[in-house]
Amino acid sequence: MTIEKHVTHLAVRFYRVAGVELVLVPLMQEVASFVRSAGDGYFLVALMGEPGTAYPLDLRSPGSYDPDYLEQKFHLNRRGYAYSPEELAAALREVASDLLSEEGLDR
């Protein structure tokens, strides 16, 4: 059995926006061989406390904030979820704004 491994040190981010709790893991270009969606702007977004709700999103793309898209990708169409697709979309917009301001500090 062959195991392939790539380790990189990442800045995992935890956000709470209007009650929506998120974990963001940057998907760096260095890990592109392991995940299709990698590079600038891509994050693995996971909803805290919601099993099975993680999806890679390009937070620089306006399509990533479409409630219907988010409902489908995060499987928010089942009963019992704490967040609506609209709440998740609004929270992601705030997170993207924060990330953009963070990039401005690096320049």
PDB file of N, CA and C in Angstrom:
ATOM      1  N   MET A   1       0.841  -1.169   0.000  1.00  0.00           N
ATOM      2  CA  MET A   1       0.000   0.000   0.000  1.00  0.00           C
ATOM      3  C   MET A   1       0.889   1.236   0.000  1.00  0.00           C
ATOM      4  N   THR A   2       0.586   2.178  -0.876  1.00  0.00           N
ATOM      5  CA  THR A   2       1.333   3.425  -0.966  1.00  0.00           C
ATOM      6  C   THR A   2       0.511   4.552  -0.366  1.00  0.00           C
ATOM      7  N   ILE A   3       1.137   5.322   0.477  1.00  0.00           N
ATOM      8  CA  ILE A   3       0.481   6.484   1.068  1.00  0.00           C
ATOM      9  C   ILE A   3       1.177   7.731   0.541  1.00  0.00           C
ATOM     10  N   GLU A   4       0.391   8.649   0.049  1.00  0.00           N
ATOM     11  CA  GLU A   4       0.926   9.934  -0.395  1.00  0.00           C
ATOM     12  C   GLU A   4       0.467  10.994   0.596  1.00  0.00           C
ATOM     13  N   LYS A   5       1.392  11.824   1.019  1.00  0.00           N
ATOM     14  CA  LYS A   5       1.084  12.805   2.055  1.00  0.00           C
ATOM     15  C   LYS A   5       1.747  14.121   1.709  1.00  0.00           C
ATOM     16  N   HIS A   6       1.035  15.201   1.972  1.00  0.00           N
ATOM     17  CA  HIS A   6       1.598  16.541   1.797  1.00  0.00           C
ATOM     18  C   HIS A   6       1.173  17.354   3.014  1.00  0.00           C
ATOM     19  N   VAL A   7       2.117  17.901   3.731  1.00  0.00           N
ATOM     20  CA  VAL A   7       1.822  18.666   4.938  1.00  0.00           C
ATOM     21  C   VAL A   7       2.196  20.123   4.687  1.00  0.00           C
ATOM     22  N   THR A   8       1.269  20.973   5.000  1.00  0.00           N
ATOM     23  CA  THR A   8       1.548  22.405   4.925  1.00  0.00           C
ATOM     24  C   THR A   8       0.909  23.058   6.146  1.00  0.00           C
ATOM     25  N   HIS A   9       1.521  24.086   6.649  1.00  0.00           N
ATOM     26  CA  HIS A   9       0.996  24.772   7.831  1.00  0.00           C
ATOM     27  C   HIS A   9       0.062  25.874   7.371  1.00  0.00           C
ATOM     28  N   LEU A  10      -1.173  25.787   7.824  1.00  0.00           N
ATOM     29  CA  LEU A  10      -2.215  26.699   7.380  1.00  0.00           C
ATOM     30  C   LEU A  10      -2.772  27.505   8.527  1.00  0.00           C
ATOM     31  N   ALA A  11      -3.354  28.619   8.177  1.00  0.00           N
ATOM     32  CA  ALA A  11      -4.040  29.452   9.158  1.00  0.00           C
ATOM     33  C   ALA A  11      -5.525  29.122   9.102  1.00  0.00           C
ATOM     34  N   VAL A  12      -5.947  28.151   9.912  1.00  0.00           N
ATOM     35  CA  VAL A  12      -7.359  27.807   9.985  1.00  0.00           C
ATOM     36  C   VAL A  12      -8.066  28.952  10.698  1.00  0.00           C
ATOM     37  N   ARG A  13      -9.213  29.330  10.168  1.00  0.00           N
ATOM     38  CA  ARG A  13      -9.963  30.465  10.725  1.00  0.00           C
ATOM     39  C   ARG A  13     -11.295  29.978  11.282  1.00  0.00           C
ATOM     40  N   PHE A  14     -11.662  30.516  12.425  1.00  0.00           N
ATOM     41  CA  PHE A  14     -12.964  30.231  13.039  1.00  0.00           C
ATOM     42  C   PHE A  14     -13.732  31.547  13.073  1.00  0.00           C
ATOM     43  N   TYR A  15     -14.953  31.518  12.577  1.00  0.00           N
ATOM     44  CA  TYR A  15     -15.789  32.718  12.539  1.00  0.00           C
ATOM     45  C   TYR A  15     -17.136  32.430  13.198  1.00  0.00           C
ATOM     46  N   ARG A  16     -17.678  33.453  13.847  1.00  0.00           N
ATOM     47  CA  ARG A  16     -19.070  33.463  14.287  1.00  0.00           C
ATOM     48  C   ARG A  16     -19.655  34.771  13.775  1.00  0.00           C
ATOM     49  N   VAL A  17     -20.605  34.644  12.854  1.00  0.00           N
ATOM     50  CA  VAL A  17     -21.223  35.819  12.233  1.00  0.00           C
ATOM     51  C   VAL A  17     -22.723  35.699  12.418  1.00  0.00           C
ATOM     52  N   ALA A  18     -23.297  36.578  13.225  1.00  0.00           N
ATOM     53  CA  ALA A  18     -24.744  36.588  13.471  1.00  0.00           C
ATOM     54  C   ALA A  18     -25.258  35.193  13.836  1.00  0.00           C
ATOM     55  N   GLY A  19     -24.507  34.494  14.666  1.00  0.00           N
ATOM     56  CA  GLY A  19     -24.923  33.178  15.130  1.00  0.00           C
ATOM     57  C   GLY A  19     -24.498  32.017  14.253  1.00  0.00           C
ATOM     58  N   VAL A  20     -23.994  32.294  13.050  1.00  0.00           N
ATOM     59  CA  VAL A  20     -23.514  31.231  12.157  1.00  0.00           C
ATOM     60  C   VAL A  20     -22.054  30.970  12.491  1.00  0.00           C
ATOM     61  N   GLU A  21     -21.734  29.731  12.850  1.00  0.00           N
ATOM     62  CA  GLU A  21     -20.371  29.370  13.228  1.00  0.00           C
ATOM     63  C   GLU A  21     -19.718  28.579  12.107  1.00  0.00           C
ATOM     64  N   LEU A  22     -18.575  29.094  11.632  1.00  0.00           N
ATOM     65  CA  LEU A  22     -17.882  28.535  10.479  1.00  0.00           C
ATOM     66  C   LEU A  22     -16.423  28.237  10.803  1.00  0.00           C
ATOM     67  N   VAL A  23     -15.896  27.246  10.111  1.00  0.00           N
ATOM     68  CA  VAL A  23     -14.465  26.967  10.119  1.00  0.00           C
ATOM     69  C   VAL A  23     -14.010  27.061   8.669  1.00  0.00           C
ATOM     70  N   LEU A  24     -12.937  27.815   8.422  1.00  0.00           N
ATOM     71  CA  LEU A  24     -12.383  27.952   7.079  1.00  0.00           C
ATOM     72  C   LEU A  24     -10.954  27.445   7.058  1.00  0.00           C
ATOM     73  N   VAL A  25     -10.689  26.545   6.132  1.00  0.00           N
ATOM     74  CA  VAL A  25      -9.343  26.014   5.925  1.00  0.00           C
ATOM     75  C   VAL A  25      -8.913  26.447   4.530  1.00  0.00           C
ATOM     76  N   PRO A  26      -7.856  27.249   4.417  1.00  0.00           N
ATOM     77  CA  PRO A  26      -7.428  27.661   3.079  1.00  0.00           C
ATOM     78  C   PRO A  26      -6.948  26.475   2.260  1.00  0.00           C
ATOM     79  N   LEU A  27      -7.367  26.417   1.014  1.00  0.00           N
ATOM     80  CA  LEU A  27      -6.923  25.367   0.099  1.00  0.00           C
ATOM     81  C   LEU A  27      -5.836  25.956  -0.785  1.00  0.00           C
ATOM     82  N   MET A  28      -4.618  25.804  -0.345  1.00  0.00           N
ATOM     83  CA  MET A  28      -3.462  26.409  -0.998  1.00  0.00           C
ATOM     84  C   MET A  28      -3.150  25.727  -2.321  1.00  0.00           C
ATOM     85  N   GLN A  29      -2.512  26.450  -3.210  1.00  0.00           N
ATOM     86  CA  GLN A  29      -2.115  25.903  -4.499  1.00  0.00           C
ATOM     87  C   GLN A  29      -1.232  24.672  -4.332  1.00  0.00           C
ATOM     88  N   GLU A  30      -0.481  24.613  -3.242  1.00  0.00           N
ATOM     89  CA  GLU A  30       0.417  23.486  -2.995  1.00  0.00           C
ATOM     90  C   GLU A  30      -0.326  22.162  -2.828  1.00  0.00           C
ATOM     91  N   VAL A  31      -1.607  22.224  -2.469  1.00  0.00           N
ATOM     92  CA  VAL A  31      -2.376  20.997  -2.270  1.00  0.00           C
ATOM     93  C   VAL A  31      -3.300  20.704  -3.448  1.00  0.00           C
ATOM     94  N   ALA A  32      -3.094  21.380  -4.559  1.00  0.00           N
ATOM     95  CA  ALA A  32      -3.964  21.212  -5.722  1.00  0.00           C
ATOM     96  C   ALA A  32      -3.979  19.779  -6.234  1.00  0.00           C
ATOM     97  N   SER A  33      -2.913  19.028  -6.013  1.00  0.00           N
ATOM     98  CA  SER A  33      -2.894  17.630  -6.471  1.00  0.00           C
ATOM     99  C   SER A  33      -3.844  16.759  -5.637  1.00  0.00           C
ATOM    100  N   PHE A  34      -4.278  17.245  -4.476  1.00  0.00           N
ATOM    101  CA  PHE A  34      -5.177  16.487  -3.615  1.00  0.00           C
ATOM    102  C   PHE A  34      -6.627  16.931  -3.718  1.00  0.00           C
ATOM    103  N   VAL A  35      -6.849  18.174  -4.069  1.00  0.00           N
ATOM    104  CA  VAL A  35      -8.214  18.702  -4.185  1.00  0.00           C
ATOM    105  C   VAL A  35      -8.347  19.472  -5.490  1.00  0.00           C
ATOM    106  N   ARG A  36      -9.487  19.326  -6.124  1.00  0.00           N
ATOM    107  CA  ARG A  36      -9.695  20.028  -7.395  1.00  0.00           C
ATOM    108  C   ARG A  36      -9.783  21.538  -7.212  1.00  0.00           C
ATOM    109  N   SER A  37     -10.403  21.959  -6.136  1.00  0.00           N
ATOM    110  CA  SER A  37     -10.595  23.386  -5.896  1.00  0.00           C
ATOM    111  C   SER A  37      -9.516  23.886  -4.953  1.00  0.00           C
ATOM    112  N   ALA A  38      -8.474  24.454  -5.516  1.00  0.00           N
ATOM    113  CA  ALA A  38      -7.386  24.963  -4.685  1.00  0.00           C
ATOM    114  C   ALA A  38      -6.810  26.200  -5.343  1.00  0.00           C
ATOM    115  N   GLY A  39      -6.209  27.046  -4.544  1.00  0.00           N
ATOM    116  CA  GLY A  39      -5.592  28.259  -5.046  1.00  0.00           C
ATOM    117  C   GLY A  39      -6.184  29.480  -4.374  1.00  0.00           C
ATOM    118  N   ASP A  40      -5.836  30.640  -4.865  1.00  0.00           N
ATOM    119  CA  ASP A  40      -6.282  31.906  -4.274  1.00  0.00           C
ATOM    120  C   ASP A  40      -7.794  31.959  -4.138  1.00  0.00           C
ATOM    121  N   GLY A  41      -8.244  32.238  -2.943  1.00  0.00           N
ATOM    122  CA  GLY A  41      -9.661  32.440  -2.698  1.00  0.00           C
ATOM    123  C   GLY A  41     -10.421  31.198  -2.288  1.00  0.00           C
ATOM    124  N   TYR A  42      -9.831  30.017  -2.456  1.00  0.00           N
ATOM    125  CA  TYR A  42     -10.547  28.786  -2.127  1.00  0.00           C
ATOM    126  C   TYR A  42     -10.350  28.398  -0.668  1.00  0.00           C
ATOM    127  N   PHE A  43     -11.460  28.056  -0.032  1.00  0.00           N
ATOM    128  CA  PHE A  43     -11.446  27.601   1.354  1.00  0.00           C
ATOM    129  C   PHE A  43     -12.366  26.403   1.479  1.00  0.00           C
ATOM    130  N   LEU A  44     -11.981  25.456   2.310  1.00  0.00           N
ATOM    131  CA  LEU A  44     -12.907  24.419   2.717  1.00  0.00           C
ATOM    132  C   LEU A  44     -13.715  25.042   3.846  1.00  0.00           C
ATOM    133  N   VAL A  45     -14.998  25.215   3.617  1.00  0.00           N
ATOM    134  CA  VAL A  45     -15.883  25.846   4.594  1.00  0.00           C
ATOM    135  C   VAL A  45     -16.683  24.755   5.275  1.00  0.00           C
ATOM    136  N   ALA A  46     -16.639  24.719   6.591  1.00  0.00           N
ATOM    137  CA  ALA A  46     -17.400  23.741   7.372  1.00  0.00           C
ATOM    138  C   ALA A  46     -18.279  24.484   8.363  1.00  0.00           C
ATOM    139  N   LEU A  47     -19.480  23.993   8.548  1.00  0.00           N
ATOM    140  CA  LEU A  47     -20.401  24.579   9.523  1.00  0.00           C
ATOM    141  C   LEU A  47     -20.230  23.857  10.846  1.00  0.00           C
ATOM    142  N   MET A  48     -19.934  24.597  11.889  1.00  0.00           N
ATOM    143  CA  MET A  48     -19.749  24.009  13.220  1.00  0.00           C
ATOM    144  C   MET A  48     -21.065  23.411  13.707  1.00  0.00           C
ATOM    145  N   GLY A  49     -20.982  22.210  14.243  1.00  0.00           N
ATOM    146  CA  GLY A  49     -22.152  21.576  14.818  1.00  0.00           C
ATOM    147  C   GLY A  49     -23.106  20.967  13.817  1.00  0.00           C
ATOM    148  N   GLU A  50     -22.740  20.968  12.544  1.00  0.00           N
ATOM    149  CA  GLU A  50     -23.600  20.405  11.497  1.00  0.00           C
ATOM    150  C   GLU A  50     -22.816  19.308  10.774  1.00  0.00           C
ATOM    151  N   PRO A  51     -22.932  18.060  11.186  1.00  0.00           N
ATOM    152  CA  PRO A  51     -22.155  16.977  10.567  1.00  0.00           C
ATOM    153  C   PRO A  51     -22.397  16.881   9.063  1.00  0.00           C
ATOM    154  N   GLY A  52     -21.337  16.640   8.342  1.00  0.00           N
ATOM    155  CA  GLY A  52     -21.446  16.457   6.899  1.00  0.00           C
ATOM    156  C   GLY A  52     -21.641  17.728   6.115  1.00  0.00           C
ATOM    157  N   THR A  53     -21.382  18.874   6.724  1.00  0.00           N
ATOM    158  CA  THR A  53     -21.579  20.139   6.016  1.00  0.00           C
ATOM    159  C   THR A  53     -20.241  20.832   5.819  1.00  0.00           C
ATOM    160  N   ALA A  54     -19.509  20.383   4.829  1.00  0.00           N
ATOM    161  CA  ALA A  54     -18.249  21.021   4.451  1.00  0.00           C
ATOM    162  C   ALA A  54     -18.173  21.009   2.934  1.00  0.00           C
ATOM    163  N   TYR A  55     -17.689  22.119   2.370  1.00  0.00           N
ATOM    164  CA  TYR A  55     -17.619  22.209   0.917  1.00  0.00           C
ATOM    165  C   TYR A  55     -16.551  23.245   0.554  1.00  0.00           C
ATOM    166  N   PRO A  56     -15.773  22.993  -0.510  1.00  0.00           N
ATOM    167  CA  PRO A  56     -14.792  23.996  -0.946  1.00  0.00           C
ATOM    168  C   PRO A  56     -15.488  25.125  -1.715  1.00  0.00           C
ATOM    169  N   LEU A  57     -15.204  26.352  -1.324  1.00  0.00           N
ATOM    170  CA  LEU A  57     -15.794  27.520  -1.975  1.00  0.00           C
ATOM    171  C   LEU A  57     -14.711  28.516  -2.353  1.00  0.00           C
ATOM    172  N   ASP A  58     -14.912  29.171  -3.483  1.00  0.00           N
ATOM    173  CA  ASP A  58     -14.074  30.300  -3.883  1.00  0.00           C
ATOM    174  C   ASP A  58     -14.749  31.553  -3.349  1.00  0.00           C
ATOM    175  N   LEU A  59     -14.257  32.076  -2.247  1.00  0.00           N
ATOM    176  CA  LEU A  59     -14.908  33.227  -1.611  1.00  0.00           C
ATOM    177  C   LEU A  59     -14.693  34.527  -2.367  1.00  0.00           C
ATOM    178  N   ARG A  60     -13.953  34.479  -3.474  1.00  0.00           N
ATOM    179  CA  ARG A  60     -13.822  35.657  -4.341  1.00  0.00           C
ATOM    180  C   ARG A  60     -14.884  35.665  -5.426  1.00  0.00           C
ATOM    181  N   SER A  61     -15.628  34.576  -5.532  1.00  0.00           N
ATOM    182  CA  SER A  61     -16.646  34.441  -6.573  1.00  0.00           C
ATOM    183  C   SER A  61     -18.026  34.777  -6.021  1.00  0.00           C
ATOM    184  N   PRO A  62     -18.747  35.694  -6.664  1.00  0.00           N
ATOM    185  CA  PRO A  62     -20.095  36.047  -6.198  1.00  0.00           C
ATOM    186  C   PRO A  62     -21.058  34.859  -6.205  1.00  0.00           C
ATOM    187  N   GLY A  63     -20.824  33.866  -7.058  1.00  0.00           N
ATOM    188  CA  GLY A  63     -21.684  32.695  -7.103  1.00  0.00           C
ATOM    189  C   GLY A  63     -21.642  31.865  -5.829  1.00  0.00           C
ATOM    190  N   SER A  64     -20.598  32.059  -5.034  1.00  0.00           N
ATOM    191  CA  SER A  64     -20.462  31.309  -3.783  1.00  0.00           C
ATOM    192  C   SER A  64     -21.442  31.763  -2.711  1.00  0.00           C
ATOM    193  N   TYR A  65     -22.157  32.863  -2.962  1.00  0.00           N
ATOM    194  CA  TYR A  65     -23.078  33.414  -1.963  1.00  0.00           C
ATOM    195  C   TYR A  65     -24.533  33.236  -2.361  1.00  0.00           C
ATOM    196  N   ASP A  66     -24.785  32.441  -3.388  1.00  0.00           N
ATOM    197  CA  ASP A  66     -26.149  32.193  -3.834  1.00  0.00           C
ATOM    198  C   ASP A  66     -26.814  31.201  -2.870  1.00  0.00           C
ATOM    199  N   PRO A  67     -27.916  31.602  -2.211  1.00  0.00           N
ATOM    200  CA  PRO A  67     -28.550  30.713  -1.232  1.00  0.00           C
ATOM    201  C   PRO A  67     -28.958  29.352  -1.811  1.00  0.00           C
ATOM    202  N   ASP A  68     -29.440  29.314  -3.041  1.00  0.00           N
ATOM    203  CA  ASP A  68     -29.840  28.030  -3.630  1.00  0.00           C
ATOM    204  C   ASP A  68     -28.634  27.117  -3.828  1.00  0.00           C
ATOM    205  N   TYR A  69     -27.521  27.701  -4.269  1.00  0.00           N
ATOM    206  CA  TYR A  69     -26.276  26.946  -4.452  1.00  0.00           C
ATOM    207  C   TYR A  69     -25.793  26.403  -3.105  1.00  0.00           C
ATOM    208  N   LEU A  70     -25.805  27.257  -2.088  1.00  0.00           N
ATOM    209  CA  LEU A  70     -25.344  26.854  -0.761  1.00  0.00           C
ATOM    210  C   LEU A  70     -26.246  25.772  -0.162  1.00  0.00           C
ATOM    211  N   GLU A  71     -27.549  25.901  -0.382  1.00  0.00           N
ATOM    212  CA  GLU A  71     -28.481  24.892   0.125  1.00  0.00           C
ATOM    213  C   GLU A  71     -28.161  23.520  -0.463  1.00  0.00           C
ATOM    214  N   GLN A  72     -27.862  23.505  -1.755  1.00  0.00           N
ATOM    215  CA  GLN A  72     -27.556  22.244  -2.431  1.00  0.00           C
ATOM    216  C   GLN A  72     -26.209  21.682  -1.968  1.00  0.00           C
ATOM    217  N   LYS A  73     -25.171  22.510  -1.952  1.00  0.00           N
ATOM    218  CA  LYS A  73     -23.826  22.023  -1.655  1.00  0.00           C
ATOM    219  C   LYS A  73     -23.639  21.647  -0.186  1.00  0.00           C
ATOM    220  N   PHE A  74     -24.317  22.358   0.708  1.00  0.00           N
ATOM    221  CA  PHE A  74     -24.186  22.059   2.137  1.00  0.00           C
ATOM    222  C   PHE A  74     -25.332  21.179   2.644  1.00  0.00           C
ATOM    223  N   HIS A  75     -26.197  20.734   1.743  1.00  0.00           N
ATOM    224  CA  HIS A  75     -27.321  19.855   2.081  1.00  0.00           C
ATOM    225  C   HIS A  75     -28.193  20.465   3.177  1.00  0.00           C
ATOM    226  N   LEU A  76     -28.517  21.743   3.026  1.00  0.00           N
ATOM    227  CA  LEU A  76     -29.309  22.440   4.036  1.00  0.00           C
ATOM    228  C   LEU A  76     -30.808  22.291   3.799  1.00  0.00           C
ATOM    229  N   ASN A  77     -31.182  21.350   2.966  1.00  0.00           N
ATOM    230  CA  ASN A  77     -32.594  21.166   2.664  1.00  0.00           C
ATOM    231  C   ASN A  77     -33.271  20.168   3.605  1.00  0.00           C
ATOM    232  N   ARG A  78     -32.532  19.668   4.574  1.00  0.00           N
ATOM    233  CA  ARG A  78     -33.112  18.744   5.544  1.00  0.00           C
ATOM    234  C   ARG A  78     -33.520  19.506   6.796  1.00  0.00           C
ATOM    235  N   ARG A  79     -34.503  18.978   7.479  1.00  0.00           N
ATOM    236  CA  ARG A  79     -34.938  19.602   8.730  1.00  0.00           C
ATOM    237  C   ARG A  79     -33.873  19.473   9.803  1.00  0.00           C
ATOM    238  N   GLY A  80     -33.886  20.400  10.728  1.00  0.00           N
ATOM    239  CA  GLY A  80     -33.007  20.303  11.879  1.00  0.00           C
ATOM    240  C   GLY A  80     -31.737  21.119  11.776  1.00  0.00           C
ATOM    241  N   TYR A  81     -31.468  21.688  10.600  1.00  0.00           N
ATOM    242  CA  TYR A  81     -30.254  22.497  10.496  1.00  0.00           C
ATOM    243  C   TYR A  81     -30.461  23.846  11.167  1.00  0.00           C
ATOM    244  N   ALA A  82     -29.419  24.317  11.800  1.00  0.00           N
ATOM    245  CA  ALA A  82     -29.510  25.553  12.571  1.00  0.00           C
ATOM    246  C   ALA A  82     -29.493  26.796  11.689  1.00  0.00           C
ATOM    247  N   TYR A  83     -28.979  26.686  10.468  1.00  0.00           N
ATOM    248  CA  TYR A  83     -28.816  27.866   9.622  1.00  0.00           C
ATOM    249  C   TYR A  83     -29.616  27.708   8.340  1.00  0.00           C
ATOM    250  N   SER A  84     -30.202  28.802   7.907  1.00  0.00           N
ATOM    251  CA  SER A  84     -30.871  28.799   6.608  1.00  0.00           C
ATOM    252  C   SER A  84     -29.828  29.122   5.532  1.00  0.00           C
ATOM    253  N   PRO A  85     -30.093  28.795   4.281  1.00  0.00           N
ATOM    254  CA  PRO A  85     -29.159  29.151   3.208  1.00  0.00           C
ATOM    255  C   PRO A  85     -28.926  30.658   3.122  1.00  0.00           C
ATOM    256  N   GLU A  86     -29.955  31.438   3.410  1.00  0.00           N
ATOM    257  CA  GLU A  86     -29.809  32.902   3.372  1.00  0.00           C
ATOM    258  C   GLU A  86     -28.890  33.396   4.485  1.00  0.00           C
ATOM    259  N   GLU A  87     -29.003  32.794   5.676  1.00  0.00           N
ATOM    260  CA  GLU A  87     -28.120  33.171   6.785  1.00  0.00           C
ATOM    261  C   GLU A  87     -26.675  32.805   6.468  1.00  0.00           C
ATOM    262  N   LEU A  88     -26.482  31.624   5.872  1.00  0.00           N
ATOM    263  CA  LEU A  88     -25.133  31.205   5.500  1.00  0.00           C
ATOM    264  C   LEU A  88     -24.555  32.129   4.441  1.00  0.00           C
ATOM    265  N   ALA A  89     -25.355  32.508   3.456  1.00  0.00           N
ATOM    266  CA  ALA A  89     -24.893  33.419   2.400  1.00  0.00           C
ATOM    267  C   ALA A  89     -24.468  34.761   2.997  1.00  0.00           C
ATOM    268  N   ALA A  90     -25.268  35.307   3.895  1.00  0.00           N
ATOM    269  CA  ALA A  90     -24.935  36.587   4.526  1.00  0.00           C
ATOM    270  C   ALA A  90     -23.653  36.476   5.349  1.00  0.00           C
ATOM    271  N   ALA A  91     -23.505  35.379   6.085  1.00  0.00           N
ATOM    272  CA  ALA A  91     -22.298  35.181   6.895  1.00  0.00           C
ATOM    273  C   ALA A  91     -21.069  35.067   6.003  1.00  0.00           C
ATOM    274  N   LEU A  92     -21.177  34.343   4.904  1.00  0.00           N
ATOM    275  CA  LEU A  92     -20.029  34.185   3.996  1.00  0.00           C
ATOM    276  C   LEU A  92     -19.631  35.513   3.357  1.00  0.00           C
ATOM    277  N   ARG A  93     -20.609  36.367   3.072  1.00  0.00           N
ATOM    278  CA  ARG A  93     -20.279  37.706   2.531  1.00  0.00           C
ATOM    279  C   ARG A  93     -19.447  38.505   3.544  1.00  0.00           C
ATOM    280  N   GLU A  94     -19.834  38.424   4.815  1.00  0.00           N
ATOM    281  CA  GLU A  94     -19.085  39.125   5.868  1.00  0.00           C
ATOM    282  C   GLU A  94     -17.680  38.549   6.011  1.00  0.00           C
ATOM    283  N   VAL A  95     -17.567  37.236   5.947  1.00  0.00           N
ATOM    284  CA  VAL A  95     -16.262  36.576   6.048  1.00  0.00           C
ATOM    285  C   VAL A  95     -15.386  36.994   4.871  1.00  0.00           C
ATOM    286  N   ALA A  96     -15.944  37.008   3.667  1.00  0.00           N
ATOM    287  CA  ALA A  96     -15.178  37.410   2.483  1.00  0.00           C
ATOM    288  C   ALA A  96     -14.696  38.848   2.611  1.00  0.00           C
ATOM    289  N   SER A  97     -15.526  39.711   3.158  1.00  0.00           N
ATOM    290  CA  SER A  97     -15.134  41.106   3.381  1.00  0.00           C
ATOM    291  C   SER A  97     -13.977  41.184   4.372  1.00  0.00           C
ATOM    292  N   ASP A  98     -14.046  40.384   5.433  1.00  0.00           N
ATOM    293  CA  ASP A  98     -12.961  40.346   6.415  1.00  0.00           C
ATOM    294  C   ASP A  98     -11.670  39.836   5.780  1.00  0.00           C
ATOM    295  N   LEU A  99     -11.768  38.797   4.959  1.00  0.00           N
ATOM    296  CA  LEU A  99     -10.589  38.246   4.296  1.00  0.00           C
ATOM    297  C   LEU A  99      -9.969  39.274   3.350  1.00  0.00           C
ATOM    298  N   LEU A 100     -10.818  40.029   2.658  1.00  0.00           N
ATOM    299  CA  LEU A 100     -10.322  41.061   1.761  1.00  0.00           C
ATOM    300  C   LEU A 100      -9.595  42.151   2.545  1.00  0.00           C
ATOM    301  N   SER A 101     -10.111  42.541   3.690  1.00  0.00           N
ATOM    302  CA  SER A 101      -9.432  43.558   4.505  1.00  0.00           C
ATOM    303  C   SER A 101      -8.120  43.009   5.057  1.00  0.00           C
ATOM    304  N   GLU A 102      -8.093  41.698   5.361  1.00  0.00           N
ATOM    305  CA  GLU A 102      -6.879  41.050   5.838  1.00  0.00           C
ATOM    306  C   GLU A 102      -5.797  41.084   4.741  1.00  0.00           C
ATOM    307  N   GLU A 103      -6.202  40.844   3.504  1.00  0.00           N
ATOM    308  CA  GLU A 103      -5.251  40.910   2.391  1.00  0.00           C
ATOM    309  C   GLU A 103      -4.677  42.304   2.258  1.00  0.00           C
ATOM    310  N   GLY A 104      -5.492  43.313   2.496  1.00  0.00           N
ATOM    311  CA  GLY A 104      -5.028  44.688   2.417  1.00  0.00           C
ATOM    312  C   GLY A 104      -3.929  44.997   3.421  1.00  0.00           C
ATOM    313  N   LEU A 105      -3.945  44.310   4.556  1.00  0.00           N
ATOM    314  CA  LEU A 105      -2.913  44.523   5.576  1.00  0.00           C
ATOM    315  C   LEU A 105      -1.562  43.968   5.110  1.00  0.00           C
ATOM    316  N   ASP A 106      -1.606  42.973   4.238  1.00  0.00           N
ATOM    317  CA  ASP A 106      -0.353  42.362   3.765  1.00  0.00           C
ATOM    318  C   ASP A 106       0.329  43.182   2.697  1.00  0.00           C
ATOM    319  N   ARG A 107      -0.358  44.149   2.148  1.00  0.00           N
ATOM    320  CA  ARG A 107       0.231  44.941   1.053  1.00  0.00           C
ATOM    321  C   ARG A 107       0.977  46.136   1.554  1.00  0.00           C
TER     322      ARG A 107
END
